C-alpha atoms as a PDB file:
ATOM      1  CA  MET A   1       0.000   0.000   0.000  1.00  0.00           C
ATOM      2  CA  ASN A   2       1.091   3.560  -0.733  1.00  0.00           C
ATOM      3  CA  PRO A   3       2.772   4.878   2.482  1.00  0.00           C
ATOM      4  CA  GLY A   4       1.125   8.268   1.926  1.00  0.00           C
ATOM      5  CA  PHE A   5      -2.325   6.783   1.400  1.00  0.00           C
ATOM      6  CA  ASP A   6      -5.283   8.726   2.749  1.00  0.00           C
ATOM      7  CA  GLU A   7      -8.690   7.121   2.318  1.00  0.00           C
ATOM      8  CA  GLY A   8     -10.492  10.471   2.215  1.00  0.00           C
ATOM      9  CA  ASP A   9      -8.265  11.851  -0.566  1.00  0.00           C
ATOM     10  CA  PHE A  10      -8.565   8.576  -2.473  1.00  0.00           C
ATOM     11  CA  LYS A  11     -12.374   8.688  -2.412  1.00  0.00           C
ATOM     12  CA  LYS A  12     -12.384  12.338  -3.509  1.00  0.00           C
ATOM     13  CA  ALA A  13      -9.985  11.651  -6.369  1.00  0.00           C
ATOM     14  CA  ARG A  14     -12.036   8.644  -7.481  1.00  0.00           C
ATOM     15  CA  GLY A  15     -15.279  10.622  -7.267  1.00  0.00           C
ATOM     16  CA  MET A  16     -13.907  13.529  -9.330  1.00  0.00           C
ATOM     17  CA  LEU A  17     -12.504  11.196 -11.978  1.00  0.00           C
ATOM     18  CA  LEU A  18     -15.719   9.191 -12.321  1.00  0.00           C
ATOM     19  CA  SER A  19     -17.901  12.304 -12.323  1.00  0.00           C
ATOM     20  CA  PHE A  20     -15.943  14.189 -14.976  1.00  0.00           C
ATOM     21  CA  SER A  21     -15.501  11.110 -17.162  1.00  0.00           C
ATOM     22  CA  SER A  22     -19.229  10.400 -16.891  1.00  0.00           C
ATOM     23  CA  VAL A  23     -20.056  13.956 -17.992  1.00  0.00           C
ATOM     24  CA  LEU A  24     -17.803  13.619 -21.041  1.00  0.00           C
ATOM     25  CA  ILE A  25     -19.325  10.276 -21.964  1.00  0.00           C
ATOM     26  CA  ALA A  26     -22.865  11.662 -21.532  1.00  0.00           C
ATOM     27  CA  ILE A  27     -22.102  14.739 -23.669  1.00  0.00           C
ATOM     28  CA  TRP A  28     -20.730  12.515 -26.425  1.00  0.00           C
ATOM     29  CA  PHE A  29     -23.503   9.919 -26.234  1.00  0.00           C
ATOM     30  CA  PHE A  30     -26.434  12.350 -26.174  1.00  0.00           C
ATOM     31  CA  GLY A  31     -24.846  14.830 -28.573  1.00  0.00           C
ATOM     32  CA  ALA A  32     -25.000  17.770 -26.141  1.00  0.00           C
ATOM     33  CA  ASP A  33     -23.654  21.198 -27.061  1.00  0.00           C
ATOM     34  CA  PHE A  34     -20.136  21.609 -25.718  1.00  0.00           C
ATOM     35  CA  LYS A  35     -19.744  25.285 -26.667  1.00  0.00           C
ATOM     36  CA  SER A  36     -21.269  26.901 -23.593  1.00  0.00           C
ATOM     37  CA  MET A  37     -21.448  26.373 -19.841  1.00  0.00           C
ATOM     38  CA  SER A  38     -23.131  27.822 -16.789  1.00  0.00           C
ATOM     39  CA  VAL A  39     -21.144  29.078 -13.801  1.00  0.00           C
ATOM     40  CA  LEU A  40     -23.058  30.237 -10.693  1.00  0.00           C
ATOM     41  CA  GLY A  41     -26.148  30.811 -12.792  1.00  0.00           C
ATOM     42  CA  THR A  42     -24.284  32.782 -15.443  1.00  0.00           C
ATOM     43  CA  LYS A  43     -24.205  31.295 -18.919  1.00  0.00           C
ATOM     44  CA  ILE A  44     -20.842  31.513 -20.643  1.00  0.00           C
ATOM     45  CA  ALA A  45     -20.561  30.892 -24.378  1.00  0.00           C
ATOM     46  CA  PHE A  46     -17.285  29.950 -26.042  1.00  0.00           C
ATOM     47  CA  THR A  47     -16.601  31.869 -29.239  1.00  0.00           C
ATOM     48  CA  GLN A  48     -12.945  31.174 -30.021  1.00  0.00           C
ATOM     49  CA  ASN A  49     -10.918  27.998 -30.460  1.00  0.00           C
ATOM     50  CA  THR A  50     -14.057  25.922 -30.008  1.00  0.00           C
ATOM     51  CA  GLN A  51     -12.495  23.251 -32.205  1.00  0.00           C
ATOM     52  CA  HIS A  52     -10.119  22.492 -29.334  1.00  0.00           C
ATOM     53  CA  ILE A  53     -12.719  22.100 -26.564  1.00  0.00           C
ATOM     54  CA  TRP A  54     -12.332  18.333 -26.616  1.00  0.00           C
ATOM     55  CA  LEU A  55      -8.567  18.740 -26.303  1.00  0.00           C
ATOM     56  CA  VAL A  56      -9.048  20.843 -23.158  1.00  0.00           C
ATOM     57  CA  ALA A  57     -11.469  18.228 -21.825  1.00  0.00           C
ATOM     58  CA  LEU A  58      -8.811  15.597 -22.469  1.00  0.00           C
ATOM     59  CA  ALA A  59      -6.267  17.579 -20.456  1.00  0.00           C
ATOM     60  CA  VAL A  60      -8.667  17.983 -17.517  1.00  0.00           C
ATOM     61  CA  ASN A  61      -9.621  14.302 -17.579  1.00  0.00           C
ATOM     62  CA  SER A  62      -5.932  13.354 -17.668  1.00  0.00           C
ATOM     63  CA  TYR A  63      -5.339  15.551 -14.613  1.00  0.00           C
ATOM     64  CA  PHE A  64      -8.085  13.794 -12.640  1.00  0.00           C
ATOM     65  CA  LEU A  65      -6.704  10.445 -13.768  1.00  0.00           C
ATOM     66  CA  LEU A  66      -3.244  11.409 -12.500  1.00  0.00           C
ATOM     67  CA  ARG A  67      -4.689  12.501  -9.148  1.00  0.00           C
ATOM     68  CA  PHE A  68      -6.512   9.196  -8.825  1.00  0.00           C
ATOM     69  CA  TYR A  69      -3.306   7.311  -9.602  1.00  0.00           C
ATOM     70  CA  GLN A  70      -1.342   9.353  -7.057  1.00  0.00           C
ATOM     71  CA  HIS A  71      -3.883   8.764  -4.272  1.00  0.00           C
ATOM     72  CA  SER A  72      -4.471   5.097  -5.076  1.00  0.00           C
ATOM     73  CA  PRO A  73      -3.389   2.716  -2.286  1.00  0.00           C
ATOM     74  CA  GLY A  74      -1.627   0.514  -4.811  1.00  0.00           C
ATOM     75  CA  ALA A  75      -3.770  -2.595  -4.320  1.00  0.00           C
ATOM     76  CA  SER A  76      -2.020  -5.775  -5.381  1.00  0.00           C
ATOM     77  CA  TYR A  77      -3.573  -8.907  -6.830  1.00  0.00           C
ATOM     78  CA  SER A  78      -1.143 -11.004  -4.807  1.00  0.00           C
ATOM     79  CA  ASP A  79      -2.905  -9.816  -1.631  1.00  0.00           C
ATOM     80  CA  ASN A  80      -6.321 -10.790  -2.975  1.00  0.00           C
ATOM     81  CA  LYS A  81      -7.500 -14.199  -1.696  1.00  0.00           C
ATOM     82  CA  ILE A  82      -9.987 -14.658  -4.549  1.00  0.00           C
ATOM     83  CA  TYR A  83      -7.234 -14.052  -7.095  1.00  0.00           C
ATOM     84  CA  LYS A  84      -4.773 -16.379  -5.369  1.00  0.00           C
ATOM     85  CA  ASN A  85      -7.247 -19.235  -4.862  1.00  0.00           C
ATOM     86  CA  THR A  86      -8.642 -18.945  -8.400  1.00  0.00           C
ATOM     87  CA  PHE A  87      -5.187 -18.828  -9.960  1.00  0.00           C
ATOM     88  CA  GLU A  88      -3.816 -21.826  -8.055  1.00  0.00           C
ATOM     89  CA  SER A  89      -6.965 -23.934  -8.430  1.00  0.00           C
ATOM     90  CA  PHE A  90      -7.179 -23.372 -12.192  1.00  0.00           C
ATOM     91  CA  LEU A  91      -3.477 -24.060 -12.705  1.00  0.00           C
ATOM     92  CA  ILE A  92      -3.536 -27.301 -10.706  1.00  0.00           C
ATOM     93  CA  LYS A  93      -6.745 -28.647 -12.286  1.00  0.00           C
ATOM     94  CA  SER A  94      -5.636 -27.770 -15.815  1.00  0.00           C
ATOM     95  CA  THR A  95      -2.201 -29.322 -15.353  1.00  0.00           C
ATOM     96  CA  ARG A  96      -3.817 -32.454 -13.919  1.00  0.00           C
ATOM     97  CA  ARG A  97      -5.967 -32.832 -17.052  1.00  0.00           C
ATOM     98  CA  LEU A  98      -3.140 -32.059 -19.463  1.00  0.00           C
ATOM     99  CA  LYS A  99      -0.664 -34.393 -17.750  1.00  0.00           C
ATOM    100  CA  LYS A 100      -3.067 -37.266 -17.087  1.00  0.00           C
ATOM    101  CA  GLY A 101      -1.425 -39.623 -19.574  1.00  0.00           C
ATOM    102  CA  GLU A 102       2.076 -38.607 -18.540  1.00  0.00           C
ATOM    103  CA  MET A 103       1.227 -39.196 -14.882  1.00  0.00           C
ATOM    104  CA  LYS A 104       0.130 -42.723 -15.673  1.00  0.00           C
ATOM    105  CA  GLU A 105       3.346 -43.429 -17.574  1.00  0.00           C
ATOM    106  CA  ASP A 106       5.528 -41.958 -14.829  1.00  0.00           C
ATOM    107  CA  PHE A 107       3.700 -43.912 -12.152  1.00  0.00           C
ATOM    108  CA  PHE A 108       4.212 -47.293 -13.817  1.00  0.00           C
ATOM    109  CA  ARG A 109       7.761 -46.456 -14.763  1.00  0.00           C
ATOM    110  CA  ASN A 110       8.385 -45.894 -11.069  1.00  0.00           C
ATOM    111  CA  LEU A 111       6.667 -49.215 -10.263  1.00  0.00           C
ATOM    112  CA  ASN A 112       8.956 -51.082 -12.630  1.00  0.00           C
ATOM    113  CA  LYS A 113      11.978 -49.643 -10.885  1.00  0.00           C
ATOM    114  CA  LEU A 114      10.610 -50.943  -7.578  1.00  0.00           C
ATOM    115  CA  GLY A 115       9.972 -54.403  -9.056  1.00  0.00           C
ATOM    116  CA  GLY A 116       6.217 -54.062  -9.142  1.00  0.00           C
ATOM    117  CA  GLN A 117       3.605 -54.529 -11.848  1.00  0.00           C
ATOM    118  CA  GLY A 118       0.358 -52.664 -12.342  1.00  0.00           C
ATOM    119  CA  SER A 119      -2.849 -54.583 -11.701  1.00  0.00           C
ATOM    120  CA  GLU A 120      -5.181 -55.231 -14.593  1.00  0.00           C
ATOM    121  CA  ASN A 121      -7.980 -53.026 -13.262  1.00  0.00           C
ATOM    122  CA  TYR A 122      -5.882 -50.337 -11.757  1.00  0.00           C
ATOM    123  CA  LYS A 123      -6.926 -46.877 -10.662  1.00  0.00           C
ATOM    124  CA  LEU A 124      -4.560 -44.056  -9.855  1.00  0.00           C
ATOM    125  CA  ASP A 125      -5.485 -41.914  -6.892  1.00  0.00           C
ATOM    126  CA  ILE A 126      -4.181 -38.395  -6.328  1.00  0.00           C
ATOM    127  CA  VAL A 127      -4.110 -37.995  -2.564  1.00  0.00           C
ATOM    128  CA  ARG A 128      -2.595 -34.513  -2.492  1.00  0.00           C
ATOM    129  CA  GLU A 129      -1.819 -31.747  -4.964  1.00  0.00           C
ATOM    130  CA  SER A 130      -0.034 -28.454  -4.559  1.00  0.00           C
ATOM    131  CA  LEU A 131       1.645 -25.627  -6.430  1.00  0.00           C
ATOM    132  CA  SER A 132       5.144 -24.270  -5.867  1.00  0.00           C
ATOM    133  CA  ILE A 133       7.401 -21.622  -7.353  1.00  0.00           C
ATOM    134  CA  VAL A 134      10.874 -22.367  -8.675  1.00  0.00           C
ATOM    135  CA  ASN A 135      13.267 -19.585  -9.628  1.00  0.00           C
ATOM    136  CA  ASN A 136      14.471 -20.152 -13.151  1.00  0.00           C
ATOM    137  CA  PRO A 137      17.106 -17.585 -14.249  1.00  0.00           C
ATOM    138  CA  ASN A 138      17.213 -19.060 -17.765  1.00  0.00           C
ATOM    139  CA  GLU A 139      13.599 -18.123 -18.423  1.00  0.00           C
ATOM    140  CA  GLN A 140      12.913 -14.422 -18.942  1.00  0.00           C
ATOM    141  CA  ARG A 141       9.153 -14.471 -19.121  1.00  0.00           C
ATOM    142  CA  LYS A 142       7.047 -11.387 -19.649  1.00  0.00           C
ATOM    143  CA  PHE A 143       4.548 -11.885 -16.848  1.00  0.00           C
ATOM    144  CA  ILE A 144       6.413 -13.886 -14.218  1.00  0.00           C
ATOM    145  CA  ARG A 145       9.964 -12.615 -14.667  1.00  0.00           C
ATOM    146  CA  GLY A 146      11.685 -15.982 -14.706  1.00  0.00           C
ATOM    147  CA  ILE A 147       9.571 -17.573 -11.968  1.00  0.00           C
ATOM    148  CA  ALA A 148       8.307 -21.022 -12.978  1.00  0.00           C
ATOM    149  CA  TRP A 149       5.193 -22.608 -11.459  1.00  0.00           C
ATOM    150  CA  VAL A 150       5.374 -26.329 -10.773  1.00  0.00           C
ATOM    151  CA  ALA A 151       2.356 -28.520 -10.010  1.00  0.00           C
ATOM    152  CA  LYS A 152       3.051 -31.371  -7.605  1.00  0.00           C
ATOM    153  CA  PHE A 153       0.882 -34.476  -7.296  1.00  0.00           C
ATOM    154  CA  HIS A 154       1.144 -37.241  -4.698  1.00  0.00           C
ATOM    155  CA  ILE A 155      -0.131 -40.379  -6.442  1.00  0.00           C
ATOM    156  CA  ARG A 156      -0.794 -43.906  -5.282  1.00  0.00           C
ATOM    157  CA  GLY A 157      -2.292 -46.907  -7.051  1.00  0.00           C
ATOM    158  CA  ASP A 158      -2.754 -50.691  -7.184  1.00  0.00           C
ATOM    159  CA  TYR A 159       0.172 -52.968  -7.958  1.00  0.00           C
ATOM    160  CA  ARG A 160       1.470 -56.480  -7.476  1.00  0.00           C
ATOM    161  CA  ASN A 161       4.951 -57.894  -7.199  1.00  0.00           C
ATOM    162  CA  SER A 162       6.282 -59.948 -10.090  1.00  0.00           C
ATOM    163  CA  ASP A 163       6.272 -63.115  -7.938  1.00  0.00           C
ATOM    164  CA  ALA A 164       2.895 -62.593  -6.235  1.00  0.00           C
ATOM    165  CA  THR A 165      -0.762 -62.345  -7.191  1.00  0.00           C
ATOM    166  CA  GLU A 166      -1.868 -60.237  -4.242  1.00  0.00           C
ATOM    167  CA  ILE A 167      -2.829 -56.693  -5.201  1.00  0.00           C
ATOM    168  CA  LYS A 168      -1.351 -54.038  -2.977  1.00  0.00           C
ATOM    169  CA  LEU A 169      -1.646 -50.282  -2.661  1.00  0.00           C
ATOM    170  CA  THR A 170       1.472 -48.235  -3.222  1.00  0.00           C
ATOM    171  CA  PRO A 171       2.483 -45.462  -0.850  1.00  0.00           C
ATOM    172  CA  ALA A 172       1.945 -41.972  -2.233  1.00  0.00           C
ATOM    173  CA  THR A 173       4.739 -40.872  -4.557  1.00  0.00           C
ATOM    174  CA  GLU A 174       5.322 -37.266  -5.592  1.00  0.00           C
ATOM    175  CA  PHE A 175       5.449 -36.320  -9.274  1.00  0.00           C
ATOM    176  CA  SER A 176       6.197 -32.750 -10.390  1.00  0.00           C
ATOM    177  CA  TYR A 177       5.246 -31.102 -13.692  1.00  0.00           C
ATOM    178  CA  PRO A 178       6.214 -27.572 -14.802  1.00  0.00           C
ATOM    179  CA  CYS A 179       3.146 -25.590 -15.873  1.00  0.00           C
ATOM    180  CA  SER A 180       3.048 -24.466 -19.491  1.00  0.00           C
ATOM    181  CA  TYR A 181       3.725 -20.777 -20.071  1.00  0.00           C
ATOM    182  CA  TRP A 182       0.499 -20.219 -22.039  1.00  0.00           C
ATOM    183  CA  LEU A 183      -1.445 -21.877 -19.225  1.00  0.00           C
ATOM    184  CA  ILE A 184       0.124 -19.559 -16.643  1.00  0.00           C
ATOM    185  CA  VAL A 185      -0.818 -16.492 -18.696  1.00  0.00           C
ATOM    186  CA  LEU A 186      -4.391 -17.790 -19.084  1.00  0.00           C
ATOM    187  CA  ALA A 187      -4.624 -18.496 -15.357  1.00  0.00           C
ATOM    188  CA  ILE A 188      -3.357 -14.994 -14.513  1.00  0.00           C
ATOM    189  CA  TYR A 189      -5.908 -13.182 -16.670  1.00  0.00           C
ATOM    190  CA  ARG A 190      -8.749 -15.487 -15.636  1.00  0.00           C
ATOM    191  CA  ALA A 191      -7.973 -14.931 -11.952  1.00  0.00           C
ATOM    192  CA  LYS A 192      -7.762 -11.154 -12.442  1.00  0.00           C
ATOM    193  CA  VAL A 193     -11.153 -11.031 -14.135  1.00  0.00           C
ATOM    194  CA  LEU A 194     -12.809 -13.082 -11.389  1.00  0.00           C
ATOM    195  CA  ALA A 195     -11.098 -11.038  -8.664  1.00  0.00           C
ATOM    196  CA  ASN A 196     -12.479  -7.842 -10.209  1.00  0.00           C
ATOM    197  CA  VAL A 197     -15.973  -9.330 -10.474  1.00  0.00           C
ATOM    198  CA  LYS A 198     -16.163 -10.981  -7.044  1.00  0.00           C
ATOM    199  CA  THR A 199     -14.460  -8.307  -4.928  1.00  0.00           C
ATOM    200  CA  SER A 200     -14.462  -4.519  -4.615  1.00  0.00           C
ATOM    201  CA  LEU A 201     -11.178  -4.441  -6.521  1.00  0.00           C
ATOM    202  CA  GLY A 202     -13.129  -3.968  -9.745  1.00  0.00           C
ATOM    203  CA  THR A 203     -15.418  -1.125  -8.691  1.00  0.00           C
ATOM    204  CA  GLU A 204     -12.932   0.752  -6.517  1.00  0.00           C
ATOM    205  CA  TYR A 205      -9.718   0.465  -8.535  1.00  0.00           C
ATOM    206  CA  THR A 206     -10.142  -1.029 -11.994  1.00  0.00           C
ATOM    207  CA  MET A 207     -13.445   0.576 -13.062  1.00  0.00           C
ATOM    208  CA  PRO A 208     -12.249   4.205 -12.706  1.00  0.00           C
ATOM    209  CA  TYR A 209      -9.297   3.459 -15.016  1.00  0.00           C
ATOM    210  CA  LEU A 210     -11.551   1.811 -17.610  1.00  0.00           C
ATOM    211  CA  TRP A 211     -14.175   4.579 -17.375  1.00  0.00           C
ATOM    212  CA  SER A 212     -11.564   7.297 -17.704  1.00  0.00           C
ATOM    213  CA  GLY A 213      -9.935   5.412 -20.585  1.00  0.00           C
ATOM    214  CA  TRP A 214     -13.250   5.383 -22.438  1.00  0.00           C
ATOM    215  CA  ALA A 215     -13.662   9.132 -21.869  1.00  0.00           C
ATOM    216  CA  THR A 216     -10.088   9.711 -23.064  1.00  0.00           C
ATOM    217  CA  ALA A 217     -10.739   7.768 -26.261  1.00  0.00           C
ATOM    218  CA  ILE A 218     -13.872   9.851 -26.852  1.00  0.00           C
ATOM    219  CA  CYS A 219     -12.001  13.132 -26.356  1.00  0.00           C
ATOM    220  CA  ILE A 220      -9.270  12.137 -28.804  1.00  0.00           C
ATOM    221  CA  SER A 221     -11.673  10.845 -31.459  1.00  0.00           C
ATOM    222  CA  GLN A 222     -13.949  13.890 -31.186  1.00  0.00           C
ATOM    223  CA  TRP A 223     -11.049  16.333 -31.374  1.00  0.00           C
ATOM    224  CA  LEU A 224      -9.715  14.560 -34.463  1.00  0.00           C
ATOM    225  CA  ALA A 225     -13.183  14.578 -36.038  1.00  0.00           C
ATOM    226  CA  VAL A 226     -13.817  18.278 -35.332  1.00  0.00           C
ATOM    227  CA  ASN A 227     -10.460  19.246 -36.761  1.00  0.00           C
ATOM    228  CA  SER A 228     -10.894  16.905 -39.735  1.00  0.00           C
ATOM    229  CA  ILE A 229      -7.680  15.044 -39.009  1.00  0.00           C
ATOM    230  CA  ASP A 230      -7.496  11.724 -40.812  1.00  0.00           C
ATOM    231  CA  LEU A 231      -4.989   9.321 -39.272  1.00  0.00           C
ATOM    232  CA  ASN A 232      -5.014   7.189 -42.416  1.00  0.00           C
END
């Protein structure tokens, strides 16, 4: 959290940003006249440089956006329980599905080393699963900065010794599988979306940025249109 955070200033900055952005969006959507305004009951009409009104609105909106950023407490997704639980759960379940065949092969390869044979009607049982982080300096990844996620599964199953017909249950053995990079990226974005939907993170922190971004896009497009500037 920002060491200079003040909840009162944060709420004011958020309120001003949302209010001004909402006014800009409403003016654009309903086609209101942006060439005059009323101050303390006195109507003021703009007569010069009216083609740059949207540019001025963009500057003011950018100022409110900067104030909101400065007074934001700097909320982190890593501190959000919904994000953490959703990310880890999705990564573990997806890796379990993707590595199902490989798990089976690794399990019986381990049995062969121990002198055992799989039973005819065997069933593998995952008794525990977890996720861990391994620092990998050789991987410079965009989102995780060289940190690799590894899914760990403790598996047990039926087996029999080569000289016996009695079916036994193996003790749980740990098997580790590095998570695919594309799966990590998918898990990150999925967890962020759900964290914004299920907690106040979305309405208090993310929504003002999105709302202001929409207003900014409107200001730029309207200013370009009024001044007949073709970017093509």
